[in-house]
Amino acid sequence: MATTIDEITINYEEDGVVVVKELDKEVLSKGLWTTIVFRFQQWEKAKNDYSVDKYIIRRYKKVAGEYKSQSKFTITNKEQAEKIIGILEGWIK
């Protein structure tokens, strides 16, 4: 488990294959509750290649000195990301 925000990652390896490959991350909030947006790709066994970029927003809570994942929301493609951006832009203008 991660004890600092810098240690938090979504990289995941299984049988020597990086199944979830973290490409980037941005911290939205820090503290006992931390929110991070990750850009990542997933290994697609059938294609023998990685997926298009995906995005996930994760909330972590620091408990007993370690960050534990509490909730997550995955944005599965560029079109969905653009739709969310458009909605948010409309709300904040």
PDB file of N, CA and C in Angstrom:
ATOM      1  N   MET A   1       0.831  -1.189   0.000  1.00  0.00           N
ATOM      2  CA  MET A   1       0.000   0.000   0.000  1.00  0.00           C
ATOM      3  C   MET A   1       0.875   1.252   0.000  1.00  0.00           C
ATOM      4  N   ALA A   2       0.348   2.304  -0.580  1.00  0.00           N
ATOM      5  CA  ALA A   2       1.071   3.567  -0.670  1.00  0.00           C
ATOM      6  C   ALA A   2       0.936   4.352   0.632  1.00  0.00           C
ATOM      7  N   THR A   3       2.050   4.928   1.060  1.00  0.00           N
ATOM      8  CA  THR A   3       2.030   5.778   2.250  1.00  0.00           C
ATOM      9  C   THR A   3       2.135   7.256   1.877  1.00  0.00           C
ATOM     10  N   THR A   4       2.483   7.547   0.604  1.00  0.00           N
ATOM     11  CA  THR A   4       2.516   8.922   0.108  1.00  0.00           C
ATOM     12  C   THR A   4       1.747   8.974  -1.210  1.00  0.00           C
ATOM     13  N   ILE A   5       1.311  10.173  -1.577  1.00  0.00           N
ATOM     14  CA  ILE A   5       0.567  10.336  -2.833  1.00  0.00           C
ATOM     15  C   ILE A   5       1.427   9.945  -4.026  1.00  0.00           C
ATOM     16  N   ASP A   6       2.717  10.275  -3.974  1.00  0.00           N
ATOM     17  CA  ASP A   6       3.617   9.934  -5.081  1.00  0.00           C
ATOM     18  C   ASP A   6       3.703   8.432  -5.322  1.00  0.00           C
ATOM     19  N   GLU A   7       3.489   7.627  -4.297  1.00  0.00           N
ATOM     20  CA  GLU A   7       3.561   6.167  -4.425  1.00  0.00           C
ATOM     21  C   GLU A   7       2.293   5.554  -5.021  1.00  0.00           C
ATOM     22  N   ILE A   8       1.202   6.309  -5.052  1.00  0.00           N
ATOM     23  CA  ILE A   8      -0.059   5.774  -5.564  1.00  0.00           C
ATOM     24  C   ILE A   8       0.051   5.578  -7.069  1.00  0.00           C
ATOM     25  N   THR A   9      -0.295   4.380  -7.524  1.00  0.00           N
ATOM     26  CA  THR A   9      -0.250   4.053  -8.951  1.00  0.00           C
ATOM     27  C   THR A   9      -1.367   3.071  -9.272  1.00  0.00           C
ATOM     28  N   ILE A  10      -1.737   3.015 -10.545  1.00  0.00           N
ATOM     29  CA  ILE A  10      -2.703   2.000 -10.980  1.00  0.00           C
ATOM     30  C   ILE A  10      -2.028   0.943 -11.848  1.00  0.00           C
ATOM     31  N   ASN A  11      -0.703   1.043 -12.008  1.00  0.00           N
ATOM     32  CA  ASN A  11       0.007  -0.004 -12.745  1.00  0.00           C
ATOM     33  C   ASN A  11      -0.312  -1.352 -12.122  1.00  0.00           C
ATOM     34  N   TYR A  12      -0.575  -2.339 -12.985  1.00  0.00           N
ATOM     35  CA  TYR A  12      -0.910  -3.673 -12.491  1.00  0.00           C
ATOM     36  C   TYR A  12      -0.312  -4.715 -13.417  1.00  0.00           C
ATOM     37  N   GLU A  13       0.416  -5.634 -12.844  1.00  0.00           N
ATOM     38  CA  GLU A  13       1.078  -6.684 -13.622  1.00  0.00           C
ATOM     39  C   GLU A  13       0.525  -8.049 -13.216  1.00  0.00           C
ATOM     40  N   GLU A  14       0.352  -8.911 -14.227  1.00  0.00           N
ATOM     41  CA  GLU A  14      -0.168 -10.250 -14.001  1.00  0.00           C
ATOM     42  C   GLU A  14       0.594 -11.220 -14.894  1.00  0.00           C
ATOM     43  N   ASP A  15       1.199 -12.222 -14.319  1.00  0.00           N
ATOM     44  CA  ASP A  15       1.968 -13.228 -15.069  1.00  0.00           C
ATOM     45  C   ASP A  15       3.023 -12.592 -15.968  1.00  0.00           C
ATOM     46  N   GLY A  16       3.685 -11.562 -15.470  1.00  0.00           N
ATOM     47  CA  GLY A  16       4.749 -10.909 -16.224  1.00  0.00           C
ATOM     48  C   GLY A  16       4.291  -9.930 -17.285  1.00  0.00           C
ATOM     49  N   VAL A  17       2.980  -9.706 -17.387  1.00  0.00           N
ATOM     50  CA  VAL A  17       2.429  -8.781 -18.377  1.00  0.00           C
ATOM     51  C   VAL A  17       1.834  -7.584 -17.639  1.00  0.00           C
ATOM     52  N   VAL A  18       2.184  -6.378 -18.079  1.00  0.00           N
ATOM     53  CA  VAL A  18       1.585  -5.174 -17.503  1.00  0.00           C
ATOM     54  C   VAL A  18       0.169  -5.074 -18.074  1.00  0.00           C
ATOM     55  N   VAL A  19      -0.816  -5.405 -17.252  1.00  0.00           N
ATOM     56  CA  VAL A  19      -2.208  -5.456 -17.683  1.00  0.00           C
ATOM     57  C   VAL A  19      -2.837  -4.062 -17.680  1.00  0.00           C
ATOM     58  N   VAL A  20      -2.478  -3.250 -16.695  1.00  0.00           N
ATOM     59  CA  VAL A  20      -2.901  -1.855 -16.635  1.00  0.00           C
ATOM     60  C   VAL A  20      -1.636  -1.014 -16.606  1.00  0.00           C
ATOM     61  N   LYS A  21      -1.482  -0.186 -17.644  1.00  0.00           N
ATOM     62  CA  LYS A  21      -0.276   0.627 -17.783  1.00  0.00           C
ATOM     63  C   LYS A  21      -0.648   2.093 -17.567  1.00  0.00           C
ATOM     64  N   GLU A  22      -0.187   2.638 -16.434  1.00  0.00           N
ATOM     65  CA  GLU A  22      -0.427   4.047 -16.123  1.00  0.00           C
ATOM     66  C   GLU A  22       0.437   4.914 -17.034  1.00  0.00           C
ATOM     67  N   LEU A  23      -0.195   5.884 -17.704  1.00  0.00           N
ATOM     68  CA  LEU A  23       0.524   6.781 -18.597  1.00  0.00           C
ATOM     69  C   LEU A  23       0.780   8.146 -17.960  1.00  0.00           C
ATOM     70  N   ASP A  24      -0.140   8.571 -17.108  1.00  0.00           N
ATOM     71  CA  ASP A  24       0.001   9.883 -16.478  1.00  0.00           C
ATOM     72  C   ASP A  24      -0.958   9.953 -15.303  1.00  0.00           C
ATOM     73  N   LYS A  25      -0.714  10.896 -14.396  1.00  0.00           N
ATOM     74  CA  LYS A  25      -1.651  11.131 -13.304  1.00  0.00           C
ATOM     75  C   LYS A  25      -1.567  12.584 -12.876  1.00  0.00           C
ATOM     76  N   GLU A  26      -2.712  13.097 -12.419  1.00  0.00           N
ATOM     77  CA  GLU A  26      -2.814  14.457 -11.902  1.00  0.00           C
ATOM     78  C   GLU A  26      -3.582  14.393 -10.591  1.00  0.00           C
ATOM     79  N   VAL A  27      -3.036  15.002  -9.574  1.00  0.00           N
ATOM     80  CA  VAL A  27      -3.681  15.040  -8.270  1.00  0.00           C
ATOM     81  C   VAL A  27      -4.646  16.230  -8.238  1.00  0.00           C
ATOM     82  N   LEU A  28      -5.920  15.948  -7.967  1.00  0.00           N
ATOM     83  CA  LEU A  28      -6.931  17.000  -7.893  1.00  0.00           C
ATOM     84  C   LEU A  28      -7.051  17.571  -6.491  1.00  0.00           C
ATOM     85  N   SER A  29      -6.899  16.717  -5.480  1.00  0.00           N
ATOM     86  CA  SER A  29      -6.964  17.185  -4.095  1.00  0.00           C
ATOM     87  C   SER A  29      -6.075  16.302  -3.231  1.00  0.00           C
ATOM     88  N   LYS A  30      -5.559  16.916  -2.160  1.00  0.00           N
ATOM     89  CA  LYS A  30      -4.673  16.209  -1.239  1.00  0.00           C
ATOM     90  C   LYS A  30      -5.243  16.291   0.165  1.00  0.00           C
ATOM     91  N   GLY A  31      -4.795  15.391   1.011  1.00  0.00           N
ATOM     92  CA  GLY A  31      -5.230  15.392   2.401  1.00  0.00           C
ATOM     93  C   GLY A  31      -5.641  13.992   2.798  1.00  0.00           C
ATOM     94  N   LEU A  32      -6.462  13.907   3.852  1.00  0.00           N
ATOM     95  CA  LEU A  32      -6.946  12.588   4.267  1.00  0.00           C
ATOM     96  C   LEU A  32      -7.744  11.933   3.146  1.00  0.00           C
ATOM     97  N   TRP A  33      -8.471  12.745   2.389  1.00  0.00           N
ATOM     98  CA  TRP A  33      -9.170  12.281   1.191  1.00  0.00           C
ATOM     99  C   TRP A  33      -8.432  12.870  -0.004  1.00  0.00           C
ATOM    100  N   THR A  34      -7.950  12.027  -0.872  1.00  0.00           N
ATOM    101  CA  THR A  34      -7.173  12.445  -2.039  1.00  0.00           C
ATOM    102  C   THR A  34      -7.887  11.986  -3.303  1.00  0.00           C
ATOM    103  N   THR A  35      -7.941  12.868  -4.301  1.00  0.00           N
ATOM    104  CA  THR A  35      -8.567  12.540  -5.581  1.00  0.00           C
ATOM    105  C   THR A  35      -7.513  12.659  -6.674  1.00  0.00           C
ATOM    106  N   ILE A  36      -7.407  11.609  -7.504  1.00  0.00           N
ATOM    107  CA  ILE A  36      -6.407  11.574  -8.570  1.00  0.00           C
ATOM    108  C   ILE A  36      -7.075  11.143  -9.871  1.00  0.00           C
ATOM    109  N   VAL A  37      -6.701  11.814 -10.979  1.00  0.00           N
ATOM    110  CA  VAL A  37      -7.133  11.411 -12.311  1.00  0.00           C
ATOM    111  C   VAL A  37      -5.947  10.724 -12.976  1.00  0.00           C
ATOM    112  N   PHE A  38      -6.176   9.523 -13.500  1.00  0.00           N
ATOM    113  CA  PHE A  38      -5.140   8.763 -14.183  1.00  0.00           C
ATOM    114  C   PHE A  38      -5.484   8.614 -15.661  1.00  0.00           C
ATOM    115  N   ARG A  39      -4.467   8.635 -16.509  1.00  0.00           N
ATOM    116  CA  ARG A  39      -4.596   8.235 -17.919  1.00  0.00           C
ATOM    117  C   ARG A  39      -3.889   6.899 -18.021  1.00  0.00           C
ATOM    118  N   PHE A  40      -4.543   5.906 -18.643  1.00  0.00           N
ATOM    119  CA  PHE A  40      -3.965   4.566 -18.677  1.00  0.00           C
ATOM    120  C   PHE A  40      -4.394   3.803 -19.924  1.00  0.00           C
ATOM    121  N   GLN A  41      -3.767   2.659 -20.117  1.00  0.00           N
ATOM    122  CA  GLN A  41      -4.159   1.720 -21.167  1.00  0.00           C
ATOM    123  C   GLN A  41      -4.256   0.332 -20.540  1.00  0.00           C
ATOM    124  N   GLN A  42      -5.136  -0.489 -21.093  1.00  0.00           N
ATOM    125  CA  GLN A  42      -5.282  -1.866 -20.641  1.00  0.00           C
ATOM    126  C   GLN A  42      -4.789  -2.810 -21.725  1.00  0.00           C
ATOM    127  N   TRP A  43      -4.159  -3.898 -21.295  1.00  0.00           N
ATOM    128  CA  TRP A  43      -3.705  -4.920 -22.219  1.00  0.00           C
ATOM    129  C   TRP A  43      -4.912  -5.688 -22.746  1.00  0.00           C
ATOM    130  N   GLU A  44      -5.007  -5.783 -24.076  1.00  0.00           N
ATOM    131  CA  GLU A  44      -6.088  -6.527 -24.713  1.00  0.00           C
ATOM    132  C   GLU A  44      -5.490  -7.793 -25.305  1.00  0.00           C
ATOM    133  N   LYS A  45      -5.696  -8.879 -24.607  1.00  0.00           N
ATOM    134  CA  LYS A  45      -5.093 -10.166 -24.984  1.00  0.00           C
ATOM    135  C   LYS A  45      -5.476 -10.583 -26.405  1.00  0.00           C
ATOM    136  N   ALA A  46      -6.730 -10.387 -26.777  1.00  0.00           N
ATOM    137  CA  ALA A  46      -7.199 -10.794 -28.102  1.00  0.00           C
ATOM    138  C   ALA A  46      -6.477 -10.032 -29.216  1.00  0.00           C
ATOM    139  N   LYS A  47      -6.142  -8.774 -28.968  1.00  0.00           N
ATOM    140  CA  LYS A  47      -5.448  -7.949 -29.966  1.00  0.00           C
ATOM    141  C   LYS A  47      -3.936  -8.025 -29.821  1.00  0.00           C
ATOM    142  N   ASN A  48      -3.488  -8.571 -28.685  1.00  0.00           N
ATOM    143  CA  ASN A  48      -2.060  -8.615 -28.368  1.00  0.00           C
ATOM    144  C   ASN A  48      -1.459  -7.206 -28.395  1.00  0.00           C
ATOM    145  N   ASP A  49      -2.244  -6.254 -27.852  1.00  0.00           N
ATOM    146  CA  ASP A  49      -1.823  -4.856 -27.853  1.00  0.00           C
ATOM    147  C   ASP A  49      -2.603  -4.122 -26.759  1.00  0.00           C
ATOM    148  N   TYR A  50      -2.176  -2.889 -26.498  1.00  0.00           N
ATOM    149  CA  TYR A  50      -2.870  -2.079 -25.506  1.00  0.00           C
ATOM    150  C   TYR A  50      -4.064  -1.356 -26.114  1.00  0.00           C
ATOM    151  N   SER A  51      -5.023  -1.048 -25.260  1.00  0.00           N
ATOM    152  CA  SER A  51      -6.238  -0.345 -25.670  1.00  0.00           C
ATOM    153  C   SER A  51      -5.925   1.116 -25.979  1.00  0.00           C
ATOM    154  N   VAL A  52      -6.939   1.803 -26.466  1.00  0.00           N
ATOM    155  CA  VAL A  52      -6.839   3.254 -26.585  1.00  0.00           C
ATOM    156  C   VAL A  52      -6.726   3.811 -25.167  1.00  0.00           C
ATOM    157  N   ASP A  53      -6.323   5.052 -25.058  1.00  0.00           N
ATOM    158  CA  ASP A  53      -6.212   5.668 -23.740  1.00  0.00           C
ATOM    159  C   ASP A  53      -7.576   5.695 -23.057  1.00  0.00           C
ATOM    160  N   LYS A  54      -7.547   5.416 -21.763  1.00  0.00           N
ATOM    161  CA  LYS A  54      -8.730   5.505 -20.913  1.00  0.00           C
ATOM    162  C   LYS A  54      -8.359   6.398 -19.737  1.00  0.00           C
ATOM    163  N   TYR A  55      -9.367   6.804 -18.991  1.00  0.00           N
ATOM    164  CA  TYR A  55      -9.150   7.724 -17.886  1.00  0.00           C
ATOM    165  C   TYR A  55      -9.953   7.233 -16.690  1.00  0.00           C
ATOM    166  N   ILE A  56      -9.400   7.420 -15.509  1.00  0.00           N
ATOM    167  CA  ILE A  56     -10.119   7.003 -14.300  1.00  0.00           C
ATOM    168  C   ILE A  56      -9.890   8.041 -13.211  1.00  0.00           C
ATOM    169  N   ILE A  57     -10.962   8.345 -12.508  1.00  0.00           N
ATOM    170  CA  ILE A  57     -10.885   9.243 -11.359  1.00  0.00           C
ATOM    171  C   ILE A  57     -11.030   8.357 -10.132  1.00  0.00           C
ATOM    172  N   ARG A  58     -10.061   8.457  -9.229  1.00  0.00           N
ATOM    173  CA  ARG A  58     -10.083   7.630  -8.016  1.00  0.00           C
ATOM    174  C   ARG A  58      -9.973   8.503  -6.777  1.00  0.00           C
ATOM    175  N   ARG A  59     -10.731   8.084  -5.752  1.00  0.00           N
ATOM    176  CA  ARG A  59     -10.669   8.739  -4.446  1.00  0.00           C
ATOM    177  C   ARG A  59     -10.000   7.772  -3.481  1.00  0.00           C
ATOM    178  N   TYR A  60      -9.080   8.309  -2.711  1.00  0.00           N
ATOM    179  CA  TYR A  60      -8.350   7.528  -1.722  1.00  0.00           C
ATOM    180  C   TYR A  60      -8.544   8.154  -0.351  1.00  0.00           C
ATOM    181  N   LYS A  61      -8.583   7.315   0.665  1.00  0.00           N
ATOM    182  CA  LYS A  61      -8.665   7.777   2.042  1.00  0.00           C
ATOM    183  C   LYS A  61      -7.434   7.267   2.779  1.00  0.00           C
ATOM    184  N   LYS A  62      -6.802   8.153   3.534  1.00  0.00           N
ATOM    185  CA  LYS A  62      -5.624   7.750   4.288  1.00  0.00           C
ATOM    186  C   LYS A  62      -6.087   7.153   5.612  1.00  0.00           C
ATOM    187  N   VAL A  63      -5.789   5.870   5.800  1.00  0.00           N
ATOM    188  CA  VAL A  63      -6.178   5.133   6.994  1.00  0.00           C
ATOM    189  C   VAL A  63      -4.936   4.451   7.548  1.00  0.00           C
ATOM    190  N   ALA A  64      -4.644   4.684   8.800  1.00  0.00           N
ATOM    191  CA  ALA A  64      -3.482   4.075   9.472  1.00  0.00           C
ATOM    192  C   ALA A  64      -2.205   4.305   8.665  1.00  0.00           C
ATOM    193  N   GLY A  65      -2.075   5.514   8.093  1.00  0.00           N
ATOM    194  CA  GLY A  65      -0.861   5.881   7.381  1.00  0.00           C
ATOM    195  C   GLY A  65      -0.761   5.388   5.951  1.00  0.00           C
ATOM    196  N   GLU A  66      -1.808   4.706   5.444  1.00  0.00           N
ATOM    197  CA  GLU A  66      -1.793   4.187   4.076  1.00  0.00           C
ATOM    198  C   GLU A  66      -3.014   4.663   3.303  1.00  0.00           C
ATOM    199  N   TYR A  67      -2.801   4.953   2.005  1.00  0.00           N
ATOM    200  CA  TYR A  67      -3.901   5.359   1.142  1.00  0.00           C
ATOM    201  C   TYR A  67      -4.635   4.122   0.625  1.00  0.00           C
ATOM    202  N   LYS A  68      -5.945   4.102   0.846  1.00  0.00           N
ATOM    203  CA  LYS A  68      -6.780   2.990   0.394  1.00  0.00           C
ATOM    204  C   LYS A  68      -7.830   3.523  -0.575  1.00  0.00           C
ATOM    205  N   SER A  69      -7.985   2.825  -1.708  1.00  0.00           N
ATOM    206  CA  SER A  69      -8.964   3.230  -2.709  1.00  0.00           C
ATOM    207  C   SER A  69     -10.371   3.118  -2.127  1.00  0.00           C
ATOM    208  N   GLN A  70     -11.174   4.177  -2.309  1.00  0.00           N
ATOM    209  CA  GLN A  70     -12.538   4.217  -1.776  1.00  0.00           C
ATOM    210  C   GLN A  70     -13.590   4.180  -2.878  1.00  0.00           C
ATOM    211  N   SER A  71     -13.298   4.839  -3.999  1.00  0.00           N
ATOM    212  CA  SER A  71     -14.261   4.859  -5.102  1.00  0.00           C
ATOM    213  C   SER A  71     -13.528   5.191  -6.388  1.00  0.00           C
ATOM    214  N   LYS A  72     -14.192   4.868  -7.517  1.00  0.00           N
ATOM    215  CA  LYS A  72     -13.566   5.139  -8.802  1.00  0.00           C
ATOM    216  C   LYS A  72     -14.634   5.294  -9.879  1.00  0.00           C
ATOM    217  N   PHE A  73     -14.273   6.026 -10.920  1.00  0.00           N
ATOM    218  CA  PHE A  73     -15.126   6.193 -12.093  1.00  0.00           C
ATOM    219  C   PHE A  73     -14.226   6.144 -13.317  1.00  0.00           C
ATOM    220  N   THR A  74     -14.512   5.234 -14.235  1.00  0.00           N
ATOM    221  CA  THR A  74     -13.699   5.074 -15.435  1.00  0.00           C
ATOM    222  C   THR A  74     -14.370   5.735 -16.630  1.00  0.00           C
ATOM    223  N   ILE A  75     -13.590   6.528 -17.348  1.00  0.00           N
ATOM    224  CA  ILE A  75     -14.023   7.130 -18.609  1.00  0.00           C
ATOM    225  C   ILE A  75     -13.378   6.272 -19.690  1.00  0.00           C
ATOM    226  N   THR A  76     -14.199   5.560 -20.447  1.00  0.00           N
ATOM    227  CA  THR A  76     -13.691   4.485 -21.289  1.00  0.00           C
ATOM    228  C   THR A  76     -13.193   4.889 -22.669  1.00  0.00           C
ATOM    229  N   ASN A  77     -13.506   6.110 -23.110  1.00  0.00           N
ATOM    230  CA  ASN A  77     -13.036   6.506 -24.433  1.00  0.00           C
ATOM    231  C   ASN A  77     -13.022   8.022 -24.571  1.00  0.00           C
ATOM    232  N   LYS A  78     -12.422   8.479 -25.654  1.00  0.00           N
ATOM    233  CA  LYS A  78     -12.263   9.914 -25.911  1.00  0.00           C
ATOM    234  C   LYS A  78     -13.615  10.622 -26.028  1.00  0.00           C
ATOM    235  N   GLU A  79     -14.571   9.980 -26.670  1.00  0.00           N
ATOM    236  CA  GLU A  79     -15.879  10.591 -26.877  1.00  0.00           C
ATOM    237  C   GLU A  79     -16.582  10.847 -25.547  1.00  0.00           C
ATOM    238  N   GLN A  80     -16.497   9.883 -24.638  1.00  0.00           N
ATOM    239  CA  GLN A  80     -17.111  10.059 -23.330  1.00  0.00           C
ATOM    240  C   GLN A  80     -16.409  11.194 -22.570  1.00  0.00           C
ATOM    241  N   ALA A  81     -15.089  11.256 -22.664  1.00  0.00           N
ATOM    242  CA  ALA A  81     -14.323  12.329 -22.004  1.00  0.00           C
ATOM    243  C   ALA A  81     -14.749  13.690 -22.549  1.00  0.00           C
ATOM    244  N   GLU A  82     -14.887  13.799 -23.862  1.00  0.00           N
ATOM    245  CA  GLU A  82     -15.287  15.066 -24.471  1.00  0.00           C
ATOM    246  C   GLU A  82     -16.691  15.476 -24.045  1.00  0.00           C
ATOM    247  N   LYS A  83     -17.572  14.509 -23.908  1.00  0.00           N
ATOM    248  CA  LYS A  83     -18.942  14.788 -23.475  1.00  0.00           C
ATOM    249  C   LYS A  83     -18.941  15.336 -22.042  1.00  0.00           C
ATOM    250  N   ILE A  84     -18.158  14.728 -21.161  1.00  0.00           N
ATOM    251  CA  ILE A  84     -18.056  15.192 -19.776  1.00  0.00           C
ATOM    252  C   ILE A  84     -17.477  16.603 -19.736  1.00  0.00           C
ATOM    253  N   ILE A  85     -16.449  16.851 -20.539  1.00  0.00           N
ATOM    254  CA  ILE A  85     -15.836  18.178 -20.603  1.00  0.00           C
ATOM    255  C   ILE A  85     -16.876  19.215 -21.043  1.00  0.00           C
ATOM    256  N   GLY A  86     -17.649  18.883 -22.071  1.00  0.00           N
ATOM    257  CA  GLY A  86     -18.673  19.802 -22.569  1.00  0.00           C
ATOM    258  C   GLY A  86     -19.721  20.130 -21.521  1.00  0.00           C
ATOM    259  N   ILE A  87     -20.160  19.119 -20.790  1.00  0.00           N
ATOM    260  CA  ILE A  87     -21.156  19.341 -19.728  1.00  0.00           C
ATOM    261  C   ILE A  87     -20.582  20.250 -18.652  1.00  0.00           C
ATOM    262  N   LEU A  88     -19.371  19.957 -18.197  1.00  0.00           N
ATOM    263  CA  LEU A  88     -18.755  20.767 -17.151  1.00  0.00           C
ATOM    264  C   LEU A  88     -18.527  22.207 -17.618  1.00  0.00           C
ATOM    265  N   GLU A  89     -18.083  22.375 -18.853  1.00  0.00           N
ATOM    266  CA  GLU A  89     -17.880  23.731 -19.376  1.00  0.00           C
ATOM    267  C   GLU A  89     -19.197  24.503 -19.408  1.00  0.00           C
ATOM    268  N   GLY A  90     -20.272  23.837 -19.781  1.00  0.00           N
ATOM    269  CA  GLY A  90     -21.590  24.480 -19.790  1.00  0.00           C
ATOM    270  C   GLY A  90     -22.042  24.890 -18.392  1.00  0.00           C
ATOM    271  N   TRP A  91     -21.742  24.087 -17.419  1.00  0.00           N
ATOM    272  CA  TRP A  91     -22.161  24.385 -16.057  1.00  0.00           C
ATOM    273  C   TRP A  91     -21.365  25.518 -15.427  1.00  0.00           C
ATOM    274  N   ILE A  92     -20.084  25.653 -15.768  1.00  0.00           N
ATOM    275  CA  ILE A  92     -19.255  26.637 -15.073  1.00  0.00           C
ATOM    276  C   ILE A  92     -19.198  27.999 -15.778  1.00  0.00           C
ATOM    277  N   LYS A  93     -19.799  28.114 -16.934  1.00  0.00           N
ATOM    278  CA  LYS A  93     -19.790  29.399 -17.656  1.00  0.00           C
ATOM    279  C   LYS A  93     -20.974  30.246 -17.277  1.00  0.00           C
TER     280      LYS A  93
END
